[in-house]
Amino acid sequence: MGQAKKIVLYGLAVFVLYTIITSPDRAADLVQVGFEGISSAAQGVGDFMSALVD
């Protein structure tokens, strides 16, 4: 089980590096979308907590 997990992790790392090398613009767009999603989620949690306090 440990070997399979390690192989999958290495395969995923190679895929990510290949994607970044072959299309860096698209990779940058995906990272930006991911961070915007995380930011929106954090803001939503903050708004919810603020509403609970009020």
C-alpha atoms as a PDB file:
ATOM      1  CA  MET A   1       0.000   0.000   0.000  1.00  0.00           C
ATOM      2  CA  GLY A   2       2.835   2.392   0.824  1.00  0.00           C
ATOM      3  CA  GLN A   3       4.547   1.767  -2.518  1.00  0.00           C
ATOM      4  CA  ALA A   4       1.344   2.425  -4.472  1.00  0.00           C
ATOM      5  CA  LYS A   5       0.801   5.699  -2.634  1.00  0.00           C
ATOM      6  CA  LYS A   6       4.376   6.761  -3.373  1.00  0.00           C
ATOM      7  CA  ILE A   7       4.020   5.893  -7.069  1.00  0.00           C
ATOM      8  CA  VAL A   8       0.763   7.850  -7.351  1.00  0.00           C
ATOM      9  CA  LEU A   9       2.355  10.837  -5.615  1.00  0.00           C
ATOM     10  CA  TYR A  10       5.353  10.786  -7.983  1.00  0.00           C
ATOM     11  CA  GLY A  11       3.044  10.442 -10.970  1.00  0.00           C
ATOM     12  CA  LEU A  12       1.002  13.421  -9.827  1.00  0.00           C
ATOM     13  CA  ALA A  13       4.148  15.503  -9.317  1.00  0.00           C
ATOM     14  CA  VAL A  14       5.372  14.646 -12.823  1.00  0.00           C
ATOM     15  CA  PHE A  15       1.970  15.536 -14.280  1.00  0.00           C
ATOM     16  CA  VAL A  16       1.927  18.909 -12.492  1.00  0.00           C
ATOM     17  CA  LEU A  17       5.455  19.733 -13.654  1.00  0.00           C
ATOM     18  CA  TYR A  18       4.608  18.695 -17.224  1.00  0.00           C
ATOM     19  CA  THR A  19       1.520  20.897 -17.189  1.00  0.00           C
ATOM     20  CA  ILE A  20       3.460  23.888 -15.859  1.00  0.00           C
ATOM     21  CA  ILE A  21       6.241  23.458 -18.416  1.00  0.00           C
ATOM     22  CA  THR A  22       4.015  22.923 -21.451  1.00  0.00           C
ATOM     23  CA  SER A  23       1.445  25.658 -20.701  1.00  0.00           C
ATOM     24  CA  PRO A  24       2.602  28.074 -18.003  1.00  0.00           C
ATOM     25  CA  ASP A  25      -0.123  30.629 -18.798  1.00  0.00           C
ATOM     26  CA  ARG A  26      -2.876  28.072 -18.222  1.00  0.00           C
ATOM     27  CA  ALA A  27      -1.170  26.839 -15.036  1.00  0.00           C
ATOM     28  CA  ALA A  28      -0.980  30.412 -13.714  1.00  0.00           C
ATOM     29  CA  ASP A  29      -4.675  30.906 -14.474  1.00  0.00           C
ATOM     30  CA  LEU A  30      -5.560  27.736 -12.569  1.00  0.00           C
ATOM     31  CA  VAL A  31      -3.500  28.808  -9.552  1.00  0.00           C
ATOM     32  CA  GLN A  32      -5.164  32.223  -9.592  1.00  0.00           C
ATOM     33  CA  VAL A  33      -8.623  30.647  -9.720  1.00  0.00           C
ATOM     34  CA  GLY A  34      -7.703  28.370  -6.833  1.00  0.00           C
ATOM     35  CA  PHE A  35      -6.501  31.241  -4.652  1.00  0.00           C
ATOM     36  CA  GLU A  36      -9.586  33.298  -5.498  1.00  0.00           C
ATOM     37  CA  GLY A  37     -11.750  30.380  -4.424  1.00  0.00           C
ATOM     38  CA  ILE A  38      -9.878  30.002  -1.147  1.00  0.00           C
ATOM     39  CA  SER A  39     -10.130  33.753  -0.555  1.00  0.00           C
ATOM     40  CA  SER A  40     -13.871  33.756  -1.212  1.00  0.00           C
ATOM     41  CA  ALA A  41     -14.388  30.803   1.118  1.00  0.00           C
ATOM     42  CA  ALA A  42     -12.383  32.470   3.894  1.00  0.00           C
ATOM     43  CA  GLN A  43     -14.331  35.692   3.460  1.00  0.00           C
ATOM     44  CA  GLY A  44     -17.603  33.765   3.628  1.00  0.00           C
ATOM     45  CA  VAL A  45     -16.528  32.073   6.861  1.00  0.00           C
ATOM     46  CA  GLY A  46     -15.494  35.450   8.270  1.00  0.00           C
ATOM     47  CA  ASP A  47     -18.836  37.012   7.336  1.00  0.00           C
ATOM     48  CA  PHE A  48     -20.655  34.075   8.931  1.00  0.00           C
ATOM     49  CA  MET A  49     -18.674  34.373  12.165  1.00  0.00           C
ATOM     50  CA  SER A  50     -19.264  38.132  12.240  1.00  0.00           C
ATOM     51  CA  ALA A  51     -22.999  37.554  11.812  1.00  0.00           C
ATOM     52  CA  LEU A  52     -22.963  35.081  14.703  1.00  0.00           C
ATOM     53  CA  VAL A  53     -21.226  37.585  16.984  1.00  0.00           C
ATOM     54  CA  ASP A  54     -23.669  40.363  16.121  1.00  0.00           C
END
